Every structure is written in structure tokens, then in C-alpha cells.
């Protein structure tokens, strides 16, 4: 049986970043930058006023001045004022050479006469190039493009940055007994929870996912569902990953040309996990129960998605265990649903009630998984390693 550490190593050593491509700036949020971006001009590109007020000759002291005009934001700087002349400026206005500024609240205006009650200061001017010089590095290759980074790219006029694109993930649910969550199940049927669960997890992971498909347990139906879709980077199959008579995921993946690398992993929940590869494409056959789905996605699938996106796994999180954990049921490593919260100077992990891997109610309020090594029983107050779930999920090792 494959250990958790062995499967994580397999992912780290074999899942590489997707080929970079140019995307419109509006679509680049959350992507990994695949090029170094330099400034195309000085920033600011000209001397700019940092305040609403007046421009007057450098070195001017308090006194009376004659208003001779104004400089609106967006207008080029005119010639500088001389002697007792003064110009009205606004935040962002271009400041003429040889000027200093005084704030509006330090003045009193009577028609064209302006009484200045403070000495003029050049410190109120944002000088050309004071933030960035043309040619200097704005963002390094490998940066994750959040909202701030998008603004930086816009400031440099970058319309289509080269990025590692988000993974395209195809999700297929299986099972004759599974019906839409919108319907009332009949005897022997269950509502589909794994479809909405995986769809939400993929959104949080920033992956691109076409509409989910659902098929019965037959190999032919699964193969046809996959072949009838567009291209993808990762295939997720819900259910059919165990070794029962109707568990056909492994057989279907092999029929599609995938090489099955893992069939079972020493994890609780999530033991019947299938991992397969076909060139640069990856497939995960997820155990059918929802808690097992949740765990295997955050521990393994999210890690592969980060690798495909050109990102390294996140650093581990250590937290203080707030309550007793029962003795392990067997020798498998356990990932226990928990609530992670910030405490003064540390994180705290509160174990949540969990009956078994089919106990979907146990997922309510979960934002972390406590990692319990095989044979261990962490004591309340001790340190445990935690997988964060949600938008920052996939934190392990």
C-alpha cells in the first residue's frame, strides 16, 4: 500500500507546471506569472502634486500672491510661476519645474488674491521616478497574481501577461444510485453531494472546470463520457475506486490509456484512491464517500493542482490541539476534520465530530484537517500538523 509521504513525493517529482501562455490581463488573476515584468516608464511619469493646493516658486515664504491660473489633472505642466504669481493645483496635477507647493488649508483666497500662511514645500511633490525607474523590475517570474499584482501590471501597460494557466479539470461522478441533489431520492437512491462539493473545491483552487458529467458504473459509460469532452489536464472520477465488483475506475482509466500508479493509500479516510498518468495528464479516482472526497482532494489533488499552476506546496501549519482525539481505529494515517482558529501567538485546531467517511454533516464548519501519523494519538494541548482547507487548502508537508 502506498504511504501518504510516497504519494506526495510522486506528485512533487512528476507533476510539472503547465506550458505558459499569454492571457488578457482581466483573466490573469490567480495565475502564476511566467515572465519578469519591468517598468516601461518612470513612475510617476512626471512631477505630480500630492495635495490640493497651490504651486508657487521654490523657496517662497508666507505672504500675498496673485492667482494666474490652474493646472487640472491630465493637463501638461505649464511654465512655472514667477515672483508673486501662484497656480491652483489638485492632487495628481503636473507640477512645473522650479516650483514648490502649499496646501489649500494653509491659504485664504479672495478672488485672484491668495494669502499663503505657510512656507512652500517641495516635499509635497511626488517626483518623477520616485517610485519606479524605467527598466526596473516590477514583478519577478513566479509571482502569484493577486489584485495588487494585477494593478502593477496595469501600471506598466501589460495587456496580456504570460502566465501558467489554471488547470482544466474534468469531473465525472459515477453510480446508478446517485441522483441530483435537487430531486427527492427514491428507495435505494442517494443525493449527489460529491458533484457540488468538487465544483466548489475546484473554484476555490482556481481551476477551470466544464460542467460535470454523471455515468453508471460501466467501463464503457465512463470511457465515453471522458472521450466526449474537450481536452483536460486532470480527470477526477468520483466513486468506483475500490475493489468491489462494480468498482471499475481503474479498468476504465487503463482502457483510456492511463497508467495506474497508485491503487490504495495508507490514509483514513481515502484508502481506495486511484492515481494514474497519461503523458502530462493526471487522473484521480476518488473514494465515493464525501468526507473521503474532501480529504483526498485537499491532501493530494490540491497539491497536484498547485504544481500544475507552477506553485510549490504551501508550508506546513502547526497548531495546538484543543481537545482529546480518540485512539486510531487502525494503522492508517488519519486526517481528522477540524476548525483552525488564531489564538494569541499560535494557531489552535479544534477536532470536530466525525462518525465515518460517509458522514457529510461532519464537513460543516471544517476549515482544516488534523494529520495524525500512523499509530499516534496526539494529546490535548500538544502540537499537531494541519492541512488548511478552502481557498488556501492543500497545505501539507
Protein backbone atom coordinates (compact mmCIF):
# COMPACT_ATOMS: atom_id res chain seq x y z
CA UNK A 1 0.00 0.00 0.00
CA UNK A 2 1.31 3.47 -0.90
CA UNK A 3 2.06 5.72 2.06
CA UNK A 4 0.93 9.33 2.23
CA UNK A 5 4.55 10.52 2.02
CA UNK A 6 5.23 8.33 -1.02
CA UNK A 7 2.22 9.69 -2.90
CA UNK A 8 3.14 13.27 -2.06
CA UNK A 9 6.67 12.61 -3.33
CA UNK A 10 5.27 11.08 -6.52
CA UNK A 11 3.22 14.24 -7.13
CA UNK A 12 6.11 16.58 -6.38
CA UNK A 13 8.55 14.74 -8.63
CA UNK A 14 6.25 14.13 -11.58
CA UNK A 15 3.64 16.88 -11.82
CA UNK A 16 5.09 19.88 -13.64
CA UNK A 17 3.80 23.33 -14.47
CA UNK A 18 1.57 23.71 -17.50
CA UNK A 19 3.07 25.47 -20.56
CA UNK A 20 2.84 29.28 -20.22
CA UNK A 21 0.61 31.31 -22.50
CA UNK A 22 -0.48 34.91 -22.84
CA UNK A 23 -3.90 35.72 -21.38
CA UNK A 24 -5.81 39.01 -21.19
CA UNK A 25 -4.97 40.89 -18.01
CA UNK A 26 -8.58 40.59 -16.82
CA UNK A 27 -8.21 36.78 -16.87
CA UNK A 28 -4.80 36.58 -15.19
CA UNK A 29 -5.95 36.91 -11.57
CA UNK A 30 -4.76 33.94 -9.51
CA UNK A 31 -2.30 32.73 -12.16
CA UNK A 32 1.45 32.33 -11.79
CA UNK A 33 3.49 34.86 -13.75
CA UNK A 34 5.76 33.18 -16.31
CA UNK A 35 7.88 36.22 -17.17
CA UNK A 36 9.68 39.02 -15.38
CA UNK A 37 7.94 42.37 -15.84
CA UNK A 38 9.91 45.62 -15.99
CA UNK A 39 8.65 49.19 -15.95
CA UNK A 40 8.12 50.74 -19.36
CA UNK A 41 8.46 54.25 -17.92
CA UNK A 42 9.26 56.17 -14.78
CA UNK A 43 6.56 56.09 -12.11
CA UNK A 44 5.34 58.72 -11.56
CA UNK A 45 5.99 59.69 -15.18
CA UNK A 46 6.17 63.39 -14.23
CA UNK A 47 6.37 65.53 -11.11
CA UNK A 48 2.89 65.27 -9.55
CA UNK A 49 1.13 67.16 -6.81
CA UNK A 50 0.40 65.05 -3.73
CA UNK A 51 -2.16 67.55 -2.43
CA UNK A 52 -4.88 70.03 -3.31
CA UNK A 53 -3.36 73.47 -3.04
CA UNK A 54 -1.14 75.90 -4.91
CA UNK A 55 2.14 75.87 -6.81
CA UNK A 56 4.48 78.82 -6.33
CA UNK A 57 8.16 79.47 -6.97
CA UNK A 58 10.53 77.27 -4.95
CA UNK A 59 11.74 78.96 -1.78
CA UNK A 60 8.60 81.13 -1.45
CA UNK A 61 7.66 82.13 2.07
CA UNK A 62 4.29 83.04 3.53
CA UNK A 63 2.76 86.15 2.02
CA UNK A 64 0.40 87.52 -0.62
CA UNK A 65 0.28 86.07 -4.14
CA UNK A 66 -1.57 86.68 -7.40
CA UNK A 67 -3.54 83.71 -8.81
CA UNK A 68 -2.70 83.41 -12.52
CA UNK A 69 -4.28 80.07 -13.46
CA UNK A 70 -4.82 76.41 -12.55
CA UNK A 71 -3.44 73.04 -13.59
CA UNK A 72 -6.07 70.32 -13.87
CA UNK A 73 -5.09 66.65 -13.54
CA UNK A 74 -4.38 65.37 -17.03
CA UNK A 75 -3.07 68.70 -18.33
CA UNK A 76 0.62 69.11 -19.12
CA UNK A 77 2.62 71.32 -16.81
CA UNK A 78 2.71 74.97 -17.96
CA UNK A 79 5.58 77.31 -17.47
CA UNK A 80 6.43 77.98 -13.81
CA UNK A 81 5.01 80.98 -11.93
CA UNK A 82 7.38 83.85 -11.14
CA UNK A 83 7.73 86.27 -8.26
CA UNK A 84 4.37 86.66 -6.52
CA UNK A 85 2.46 84.50 -9.02
CA UNK A 86 0.66 81.34 -7.89
CA UNK A 87 -1.12 78.47 -9.67
CA UNK A 88 -4.02 76.37 -8.36
CA UNK A 89 -3.19 72.63 -8.37
CA UNK A 90 -5.04 69.46 -7.48
CA UNK A 91 -3.97 66.01 -6.35
CA UNK A 92 -2.36 64.44 -9.42
CA UNK A 93 -1.72 67.72 -11.24
CA UNK A 94 1.57 68.03 -13.13
CA UNK A 95 3.89 70.41 -11.28
CA UNK A 96 6.04 72.83 -13.33
CA UNK A 97 9.81 72.87 -12.89
CA UNK A 98 11.13 75.18 -10.20
CA UNK A 99 8.01 75.02 -8.03
CA UNK A 100 7.08 74.12 -4.51
CA UNK A 101 3.60 73.55 -3.09
CA UNK A 102 1.45 74.76 -0.26
CA UNK A 103 -1.67 73.00 0.98
CA UNK A 104 -5.11 74.50 0.42
CA UNK A 105 -5.83 74.66 4.14
CA UNK A 106 -2.76 76.88 4.62
CA UNK A 107 -4.18 79.53 2.31
CA UNK A 108 -7.04 82.01 2.04
CA UNK A 109 -8.38 83.09 -1.33
CA UNK A 110 -10.12 86.36 -2.17
CA UNK A 111 -10.74 86.48 -5.91
CA UNK A 112 -7.34 86.50 -7.60
CA UNK A 113 -5.58 87.29 -4.31
CA UNK A 114 -4.22 84.32 -2.32
CA UNK A 115 -2.87 84.75 1.18
CA UNK A 116 -0.36 82.00 1.96
CA UNK A 117 0.20 81.33 5.66
CA UNK A 118 2.93 78.68 5.38
CA UNK A 119 6.23 78.31 3.59
CA UNK A 120 6.11 76.37 0.32
CA UNK A 121 7.48 72.81 0.40
CA UNK A 122 8.88 70.56 -2.31
CA UNK A 123 8.13 67.54 -0.14
CA UNK A 124 4.51 67.79 -1.27
CA UNK A 125 5.61 66.84 -4.81
CA UNK A 126 5.78 63.23 -5.92
CA UNK A 127 8.90 63.39 -8.08
CA UNK A 128 9.23 61.65 -11.41
CA UNK A 129 10.66 58.18 -10.96
CA UNK A 130 10.48 58.34 -7.17
CA UNK A 131 8.52 55.08 -7.09
CA UNK A 132 9.92 53.23 -10.11
CA UNK A 133 12.57 53.93 -12.72
CA UNK A 134 12.03 52.81 -16.32
CA UNK A 135 13.56 49.36 -16.82
CA UNK A 136 13.46 48.36 -13.17
CA UNK A 137 11.82 45.07 -12.16
CA UNK A 138 8.19 45.34 -11.11
CA UNK A 139 7.29 41.64 -10.71
CA UNK A 140 9.52 38.59 -10.77
CA UNK A 141 8.70 35.46 -12.70
CA UNK A 142 6.84 33.05 -10.41
CA UNK A 143 4.76 35.70 -8.67
CA UNK A 144 1.16 34.80 -7.95
CA UNK A 145 -1.10 37.44 -9.49
CA UNK A 146 -3.42 38.78 -6.84
CA UNK A 147 -5.35 42.02 -7.08
CA UNK A 148 -2.30 44.12 -6.20
CA UNK A 149 -0.12 42.42 -8.79
CA UNK A 150 -2.81 42.96 -11.44
CA UNK A 151 -2.67 46.68 -10.64
CA UNK A 152 1.13 46.65 -11.01
CA UNK A 153 0.83 45.01 -14.44
CA UNK A 154 -1.74 47.59 -15.49
CA UNK A 155 0.60 50.38 -14.41
CA UNK A 156 3.18 49.03 -16.86
CA UNK A 157 0.66 48.74 -19.68
CA UNK A 158 0.80 44.94 -19.74
CA UNK A 159 -2.30 43.82 -21.64
CA UNK A 160 -1.62 40.08 -21.92
CA UNK A 161 0.94 38.72 -19.44
CA UNK A 162 2.48 35.30 -19.98
CA UNK A 163 1.24 33.10 -17.16
CA UNK A 164 0.94 29.47 -16.19
CA UNK A 165 -2.75 28.91 -16.93
CA UNK A 166 -5.12 27.28 -14.43
CA UNK A 167 -5.55 23.54 -14.81
CA UNK A 168 -8.54 22.29 -16.77
CA UNK A 169 -10.25 19.68 -14.61
CA UNK A 170 -12.87 17.23 -15.87
CA UNK A 171 -15.08 15.77 -13.15
CA UNK A 172 -17.19 12.65 -13.67
CA UNK A 173 -19.42 11.22 -10.95
CA UNK A 174 -20.45 7.55 -11.08
CA UNK A 175 -23.13 5.36 -9.57
CA UNK A 176 -26.60 4.08 -10.51
CA UNK A 177 -27.85 5.03 -7.06
CA UNK A 178 -26.77 8.69 -7.30
CA UNK A 179 -29.45 11.24 -8.28
CA UNK A 180 -29.39 15.03 -8.50
CA UNK A 181 -29.36 16.88 -5.19
CA UNK A 182 -32.38 18.78 -6.50
CA UNK A 183 -34.61 15.69 -6.52
CA UNK A 184 -36.27 13.56 -3.86
CA UNK A 185 -34.43 10.22 -3.76
CA UNK A 186 -36.46 7.05 -4.07
CA UNK A 187 -35.74 3.91 -2.07
CA UNK A 188 -32.11 2.88 -2.59
CA UNK A 189 -31.05 6.23 -4.07
CA UNK A 190 -28.84 8.98 -2.62
CA UNK A 191 -28.47 12.64 -3.48
CA UNK A 192 -25.31 13.73 -5.26
CA UNK A 193 -23.12 15.61 -2.80
CA UNK A 194 -19.78 14.94 -4.48
CA UNK A 195 -20.65 16.93 -7.62
CA UNK A 196 -21.37 20.21 -5.81
CA UNK A 197 -18.52 19.52 -3.37
CA UNK A 198 -15.87 19.08 -6.07
CA UNK A 199 -17.25 22.02 -8.08
CA UNK A 200 -16.82 24.28 -5.03
CA UNK A 201 -13.34 22.93 -4.27
CA UNK A 202 -12.22 23.50 -7.86
CA UNK A 203 -13.46 27.10 -7.75
CA UNK A 204 -11.50 27.64 -4.54
CA UNK A 205 -8.42 26.11 -6.18
CA UNK A 206 -8.72 28.41 -9.20
CA UNK A 207 -9.13 25.53 -11.65
CA UNK A 208 -11.21 25.65 -14.82
CA UNK A 209 -13.93 23.02 -14.86
CA UNK A 210 -16.51 22.27 -17.58
CA UNK A 211 -19.93 21.01 -16.48
CA UNK A 212 -19.70 17.77 -14.53
CA UNK A 213 -20.81 14.51 -16.14
CA UNK A 214 -22.56 11.58 -14.46
CA UNK A 215 -22.49 7.94 -15.58
CA UNK A 216 -23.26 4.49 -14.20
CA UNK A 217 -20.55 2.09 -13.08
CA UNK A 218 -19.83 0.58 -16.50
CA UNK A 219 -16.41 0.97 -18.08
CA UNK A 220 -17.92 1.90 -21.43
CA UNK A 221 -20.04 4.70 -19.99
CA UNK A 222 -17.09 6.26 -18.17
CA UNK A 223 -14.79 6.00 -21.19
CA UNK A 224 -17.45 7.53 -23.46
CA UNK A 225 -18.10 10.39 -21.02
CA UNK A 226 -14.41 11.30 -20.93
CA UNK A 227 -13.81 10.93 -24.65
CA UNK A 228 -16.84 13.07 -25.41
CA UNK A 229 -15.41 16.12 -23.69
CA UNK A 230 -12.78 18.62 -24.69
CA UNK A 231 -9.16 18.49 -23.60
CA UNK A 232 -8.27 18.45 -19.90
CA UNK A 233 -5.23 18.36 -17.63
CA UNK A 234 -6.75 16.47 -14.70
CA UNK A 235 -9.56 13.93 -14.59
CA UNK A 236 -11.42 13.39 -11.32
CA UNK A 237 -13.68 10.35 -11.07
CA UNK A 238 -16.00 10.16 -8.07
CA UNK A 239 -16.64 6.62 -6.89
CA UNK A 240 -15.67 3.25 -8.29
CA UNK A 241 -12.13 3.34 -6.93
CA UNK A 242 -12.39 0.42 -4.52
CA UNK A 243 -12.07 -3.29 -5.37
CA UNK A 244 -15.71 -4.36 -5.46
CA UNK A 245 -17.45 -6.00 -8.40
CA UNK A 246 -18.84 -2.68 -9.61
CA UNK A 247 -15.76 -0.54 -8.90
CA UNK A 248 -14.46 -0.03 -12.42
CA UNK A 249 -12.48 3.23 -12.34
CA UNK A 250 -9.07 1.54 -12.60
CA UNK A 251 -10.25 -0.59 -15.53
CA UNK A 252 -11.75 2.44 -17.30
CA UNK A 253 -8.60 4.52 -16.87
CA UNK A 254 -6.50 1.73 -18.31
CA UNK A 255 -8.92 1.46 -21.24
CA UNK A 256 -8.32 5.18 -21.90
CA UNK A 257 -4.55 4.69 -21.98
CA UNK A 258 -3.72 5.84 -18.44
CA UNK A 259 -1.00 4.10 -16.44
CA UNK A 260 -2.28 3.37 -12.95
CA UNK A 261 0.42 4.32 -10.43
CA UNK A 262 -1.47 4.04 -7.13
CA UNK A 263 -4.50 1.95 -6.14
CA UNK A 264 -4.56 2.31 -2.39
CA UNK A 265 -3.06 4.83 0.00
CA UNK A 266 -2.49 4.41 3.73
CA UNK A 267 -4.92 7.21 4.61
CA UNK A 268 -8.06 7.40 6.71
CA UNK A 269 -10.36 8.31 5.11
CA UNK A 270 -9.36 7.85 1.47
CA UNK A 271 -7.72 4.42 1.32
CA UNK A 272 -9.19 3.34 -2.10
CA UNK A 273 -7.58 6.17 -4.06
CA UNK A 274 -6.55 5.58 -7.67
CA UNK A 275 -3.85 7.78 -9.20
CA UNK A 276 -2.99 7.41 -12.88
CA UNK A 277 -1.00 9.20 -15.56
CA UNK A 278 -1.17 9.57 -19.33
CA UNK A 279 1.70 11.74 -20.54
CA UNK A 280 1.20 15.13 -18.89
CA UNK A 281 -2.40 14.36 -17.90
CA UNK A 282 -3.33 13.04 -14.48
CA UNK A 283 -6.34 11.17 -13.16
CA UNK A 284 -7.57 10.65 -9.60
CA UNK A 285 -10.20 8.06 -8.78
CA UNK A 286 -11.68 9.40 -5.55
CA UNK A 287 -13.39 7.19 -2.95
CA UNK A 288 -17.15 7.66 -3.16
CA UNK A 289 -17.86 8.91 0.36
CA UNK A 290 -17.96 12.73 0.73
CA UNK A 291 -15.55 13.04 3.68
CA UNK A 292 -13.06 10.88 1.78
CA UNK A 293 -13.57 13.18 -1.22
CA UNK A 294 -12.88 16.22 0.93
CA UNK A 295 -9.73 14.72 2.46
CA UNK A 296 -8.17 13.28 -0.70
CA UNK A 297 -8.81 16.49 -2.60
CA UNK A 298 -7.07 18.71 -0.04
CA UNK A 299 -4.17 16.37 0.70
CA UNK A 300 -3.40 15.11 -2.82
CA UNK A 301 -5.43 16.71 -5.63
CA UNK A 302 -4.89 20.29 -4.44
CA UNK A 303 -1.15 19.62 -4.31
CA UNK A 304 -1.16 18.44 -7.93
CA UNK A 305 -3.19 21.50 -8.97
CA UNK A 306 -0.64 23.78 -7.31
CA UNK A 307 2.19 22.01 -9.16
CA UNK A 308 0.35 22.36 -12.47
CA UNK A 309 -0.12 26.06 -11.71
CA UNK A 310 3.63 26.49 -11.21
CA UNK A 311 3.47 26.80 -7.43
CA UNK A 312 5.24 24.90 -4.69
CA UNK A 313 3.28 23.24 -1.89
CA UNK A 314 2.44 25.58 0.94
CA UNK A 315 4.40 25.45 4.17
CA UNK A 316 3.03 23.23 6.95
CA UNK A 317 0.87 24.69 9.67
CA UNK A 318 1.47 23.74 13.28
CA UNK A 319 -1.36 24.20 15.73
CA UNK A 320 -2.19 23.42 19.35
CA UNK A 321 -4.70 20.62 19.67
CA UNK A 322 -7.58 21.85 21.83
CA UNK A 323 -9.25 18.54 22.68
CA UNK A 324 -8.66 14.83 23.03
CA UNK A 325 -8.61 12.67 19.90
CA UNK A 326 -9.81 9.05 20.11
CA UNK A 327 -7.33 6.26 19.58
CA UNK A 328 -6.84 5.44 15.88
CA UNK A 329 -9.14 2.73 14.51
CA UNK A 330 -6.30 1.10 12.55
CA UNK A 331 -2.72 1.68 11.43
CA UNK A 332 -3.56 4.20 8.71
CA UNK A 333 -2.62 7.87 8.87
CA UNK A 334 -5.70 9.89 9.77
CA UNK A 335 -6.85 13.31 8.57
CA UNK A 336 -9.38 14.49 11.16
CA UNK A 337 -11.90 17.25 10.31
CA UNK A 338 -11.18 20.31 12.42
CA UNK A 339 -11.69 24.01 12.92
CA UNK A 340 -8.49 26.07 12.75
CA UNK A 341 -8.50 29.43 14.52
CA UNK A 342 -5.99 32.07 15.52
CA UNK A 343 -5.01 32.32 19.16
CA UNK A 344 -2.51 34.75 20.71
CA UNK A 345 0.85 33.78 19.25
CA UNK A 346 -0.32 30.48 17.74
CA UNK A 347 -2.90 28.52 15.81
CA UNK A 348 -5.42 26.28 17.54
CA UNK A 349 -7.03 23.19 16.00
CA UNK A 350 -10.36 22.02 17.39
CA UNK A 351 -11.34 18.47 16.34
CA UNK A 352 -14.92 18.25 15.08
CA UNK A 353 -17.34 15.33 15.47
CA UNK A 354 -16.83 12.76 12.75
CA UNK A 355 -18.61 9.42 12.54
CA UNK A 356 -17.21 7.93 9.32
CA UNK A 357 -16.24 8.82 5.75
CA UNK A 358 -19.90 8.97 4.69
CA UNK A 359 -20.81 11.45 7.44
CA UNK A 360 -21.32 14.52 5.21
CA UNK A 361 -22.65 16.51 8.16
CA UNK A 362 -19.13 16.39 9.59
CA UNK A 363 -17.94 18.75 6.84
CA UNK A 364 -19.97 21.67 8.16
CA UNK A 365 -17.60 24.22 9.67
CA UNK A 366 -14.44 22.36 8.62
CA UNK A 367 -11.55 24.57 7.51
CA UNK A 368 -8.68 22.23 8.36
CA UNK A 369 -7.65 18.60 8.71
CA UNK A 370 -5.56 17.39 11.62
CA UNK A 371 -2.85 14.98 10.46
CA UNK A 372 -2.47 12.07 12.84
CA UNK A 373 0.52 9.87 11.89
CA UNK A 374 0.03 6.10 11.85
CA UNK A 375 -0.10 4.72 15.38
CA UNK A 376 -0.03 8.16 17.03
CA UNK A 377 -2.56 9.64 19.45
CA UNK A 378 -1.89 13.37 19.94
CA UNK A 379 -2.66 14.70 23.40
CA UNK A 380 -4.78 17.76 24.05
CA UNK A 381 -2.50 20.78 24.26
CA UNK A 382 0.14 19.20 22.05
CA UNK A 383 1.30 20.32 18.61
CA UNK A 384 -0.24 18.80 15.51
CA UNK A 385 0.35 19.31 11.81
CA UNK A 386 -2.63 20.73 9.96
CA UNK A 387 -3.85 20.79 6.36
CA UNK A 388 -5.69 24.05 5.74
CA UNK A 389 -8.84 23.73 3.67
CA UNK A 390 -10.74 26.16 1.50
CA UNK A 391 -9.14 28.78 -0.75
CA UNK A 392 -5.76 28.27 0.97
CA UNK A 393 -6.10 24.49 1.02
CA UNK A 394 -3.54 21.83 0.20
CA UNK A 395 -1.13 22.80 2.98
CA UNK A 396 0.79 19.67 3.91
CA UNK A 397 4.46 18.75 4.20
